[in-house]
Amino acid sequence: MDGSEERFYYASMDYLNDDERAEMLEQCWKYDRKLIHEKYLDLAKRLKERRADGICLVSV
């Protein structure tokens, strides 16, 4: 986040109650977890393809 996004994020938290904040943070955590999982699945797939093509010498 850049400075303006960070200021907006923290200021917006004042408009939410505790339950809403907890729900929002839970949704963010799930989104980030899925995003990271997809990123590394894609990386593993590309490394396996390179290995199959004889390009990558390192075992994955």
N, C-alpha and C. Protein backbone atom coordinates (compact mmCIF):
# COMPACT_ATOMS: atom_id res chain seq x y z
N MET A 1 0.84 -1.18 0.00
CA MET A 1 0.00 0.00 0.00
C MET A 1 0.88 1.24 0.00
N ASP A 2 0.47 2.21 -0.77
CA ASP A 2 1.19 3.48 -0.69
C ASP A 2 0.59 4.29 0.46
N GLY A 3 1.14 5.45 0.73
CA GLY A 3 0.72 6.25 1.87
C GLY A 3 -0.74 6.63 1.86
N SER A 4 -1.29 7.02 0.70
CA SER A 4 -2.69 7.44 0.64
C SER A 4 -3.62 6.25 0.88
N GLU A 5 -3.29 5.08 0.35
CA GLU A 5 -4.12 3.90 0.58
C GLU A 5 -4.10 3.50 2.05
N GLU A 6 -2.94 3.59 2.65
CA GLU A 6 -2.81 3.23 4.05
C GLU A 6 -3.63 4.17 4.94
N ARG A 7 -3.57 5.46 4.66
CA ARG A 7 -4.36 6.43 5.43
C ARG A 7 -5.86 6.16 5.26
N PHE A 8 -6.28 5.88 4.03
CA PHE A 8 -7.69 5.59 3.77
C PHE A 8 -8.12 4.32 4.51
N TYR A 9 -7.30 3.28 4.45
CA TYR A 9 -7.64 2.02 5.09
C TYR A 9 -7.86 2.20 6.58
N TYR A 10 -6.90 2.83 7.25
CA TYR A 10 -7.03 2.99 8.70
C TYR A 10 -8.17 3.93 9.07
N ALA A 11 -8.39 4.98 8.29
CA ALA A 11 -9.51 5.89 8.56
C ALA A 11 -10.84 5.18 8.37
N SER A 12 -10.94 4.29 7.40
CA SER A 12 -12.21 3.60 7.14
C SER A 12 -12.56 2.62 8.25
N MET A 13 -11.58 2.16 8.99
CA MET A 13 -11.85 1.23 10.08
C MET A 13 -12.72 1.85 11.16
N ASP A 14 -12.67 3.18 11.29
CA ASP A 14 -13.49 3.86 12.29
C ASP A 14 -14.99 3.74 11.99
N TYR A 15 -15.33 3.45 10.75
CA TYR A 15 -16.74 3.35 10.36
C TYR A 15 -17.31 1.95 10.58
N LEU A 16 -16.47 1.01 10.95
CA LEU A 16 -16.92 -0.37 11.13
C LEU A 16 -16.96 -0.75 12.60
N ASN A 17 -17.90 -1.59 12.96
CA ASN A 17 -17.90 -2.10 14.33
C ASN A 17 -16.94 -3.29 14.41
N ASP A 18 -16.75 -3.82 15.60
CA ASP A 18 -15.78 -4.91 15.80
C ASP A 18 -16.08 -6.13 14.94
N ASP A 19 -17.37 -6.50 14.84
CA ASP A 19 -17.74 -7.66 14.04
C ASP A 19 -17.45 -7.43 12.55
N GLU A 20 -17.75 -6.24 12.06
CA GLU A 20 -17.50 -5.91 10.66
C GLU A 20 -16.00 -5.91 10.36
N ARG A 21 -15.22 -5.37 11.28
CA ARG A 21 -13.75 -5.38 11.11
C ARG A 21 -13.22 -6.81 11.05
N ALA A 22 -13.70 -7.63 11.96
CA ALA A 22 -13.26 -9.03 12.00
C ALA A 22 -13.63 -9.75 10.71
N GLU A 23 -14.84 -9.52 10.20
CA GLU A 23 -15.28 -10.14 8.96
C GLU A 23 -14.43 -9.67 7.78
N MET A 24 -14.15 -8.37 7.73
CA MET A 24 -13.35 -7.84 6.64
C MET A 24 -11.93 -8.42 6.66
N LEU A 25 -11.34 -8.48 7.85
CA LEU A 25 -9.99 -9.04 7.96
C LEU A 25 -9.98 -10.53 7.60
N GLU A 26 -11.02 -11.26 7.96
CA GLU A 26 -11.13 -12.67 7.60
C GLU A 26 -11.20 -12.84 6.08
N GLN A 27 -12.01 -12.00 5.44
CA GLN A 27 -12.12 -12.06 3.97
C GLN A 27 -10.78 -11.71 3.31
N CYS A 28 -10.08 -10.72 3.84
CA CYS A 28 -8.76 -10.35 3.29
C CYS A 28 -7.78 -11.51 3.45
N TRP A 29 -7.79 -12.14 4.61
CA TRP A 29 -6.89 -13.26 4.86
C TRP A 29 -7.16 -14.40 3.88
N LYS A 30 -8.44 -14.72 3.68
CA LYS A 30 -8.79 -15.80 2.74
C LYS A 30 -8.36 -15.45 1.32
N TYR A 31 -8.57 -14.21 0.91
CA TYR A 31 -8.18 -13.77 -0.42
C TYR A 31 -6.66 -13.88 -0.60
N ASP A 32 -5.90 -13.38 0.38
CA ASP A 32 -4.45 -13.44 0.30
C ASP A 32 -3.95 -14.88 0.26
N ARG A 33 -4.56 -15.73 1.07
CA ARG A 33 -4.15 -17.15 1.10
C ARG A 33 -4.37 -17.80 -0.26
N LYS A 34 -5.52 -17.54 -0.87
CA LYS A 34 -5.83 -18.10 -2.18
C LYS A 34 -4.87 -17.56 -3.23
N LEU A 35 -4.61 -16.26 -3.17
CA LEU A 35 -3.73 -15.63 -4.14
C LEU A 35 -2.32 -16.21 -4.08
N ILE A 36 -1.79 -16.36 -2.88
CA ILE A 36 -0.45 -16.92 -2.71
C ILE A 36 -0.43 -18.38 -3.17
N HIS A 37 -1.47 -19.13 -2.83
CA HIS A 37 -1.55 -20.54 -3.24
C HIS A 37 -1.55 -20.65 -4.76
N GLU A 38 -2.34 -19.81 -5.43
CA GLU A 38 -2.39 -19.83 -6.89
C GLU A 38 -1.04 -19.44 -7.49
N LYS A 39 -0.38 -18.47 -6.90
CA LYS A 39 0.93 -18.01 -7.41
C LYS A 39 1.94 -19.16 -7.40
N TYR A 40 2.02 -19.87 -6.29
CA TYR A 40 3.02 -20.93 -6.19
C TYR A 40 2.62 -22.19 -6.94
N LEU A 41 1.34 -22.45 -7.11
CA LEU A 41 0.93 -23.55 -7.98
C LEU A 41 1.35 -23.27 -9.42
N ASP A 42 1.16 -22.02 -9.85
CA ASP A 42 1.57 -21.63 -11.19
C ASP A 42 3.08 -21.74 -11.35
N LEU A 43 3.83 -21.30 -10.36
CA LEU A 43 5.29 -21.39 -10.41
C LEU A 43 5.73 -22.85 -10.52
N ALA A 44 5.14 -23.72 -9.71
CA ALA A 44 5.49 -25.15 -9.75
C ALA A 44 5.17 -25.74 -11.11
N LYS A 45 4.04 -25.37 -11.67
CA LYS A 45 3.65 -25.87 -12.99
C LYS A 45 4.66 -25.44 -14.05
N ARG A 46 5.06 -24.16 -14.02
CA ARG A 46 6.02 -23.67 -15.01
C ARG A 46 7.38 -24.33 -14.85
N LEU A 47 7.80 -24.58 -13.61
CA LEU A 47 9.08 -25.25 -13.39
C LEU A 47 9.04 -26.69 -13.89
N LYS A 48 7.93 -27.38 -13.68
CA LYS A 48 7.79 -28.75 -14.18
C LYS A 48 7.82 -28.78 -15.70
N GLU A 49 7.17 -27.79 -16.33
CA GLU A 49 7.18 -27.71 -17.80
C GLU A 49 8.60 -27.47 -18.31
N ARG A 50 9.33 -26.59 -17.65
CA ARG A 50 10.71 -26.31 -18.07
C ARG A 50 11.58 -27.56 -17.90
N ARG A 51 11.34 -28.26 -16.80
CA ARG A 51 12.12 -29.48 -16.55
C ARG A 51 11.81 -30.52 -17.61
N ALA A 52 10.54 -30.66 -17.98
CA ALA A 52 10.14 -31.63 -19.00
C ALA A 52 10.75 -31.27 -20.35
N ASP A 53 10.95 -29.98 -20.60
CA ASP A 53 11.55 -29.54 -21.85
C ASP A 53 13.08 -29.61 -21.82
N GLY A 54 13.62 -30.03 -20.67
CA GLY A 54 15.08 -30.15 -20.57
C GLY A 54 15.77 -28.82 -20.30
N ILE A 55 15.03 -27.80 -19.96
CA ILE A 55 15.60 -26.47 -19.74
C ILE A 55 16.14 -26.33 -18.32
N CYS A 56 15.44 -26.87 -17.37
CA CYS A 56 15.81 -26.70 -15.94
C CYS A 56 16.56 -27.94 -15.48
N LEU A 57 17.73 -27.74 -14.92
CA LEU A 57 18.53 -28.87 -14.48
C LEU A 57 18.28 -29.23 -13.03
N VAL A 58 17.59 -28.35 -12.30
CA VAL A 58 17.34 -28.56 -10.88
C VAL A 58 16.06 -29.38 -10.70
N SER A 59 16.11 -30.38 -9.86
CA SER A 59 14.94 -31.20 -9.58
C SER A 59 13.95 -30.42 -8.73
N VAL A 60 12.68 -30.50 -9.10
CA VAL A 60 11.64 -29.79 -8.35
C VAL A 60 10.71 -30.79 -7.73
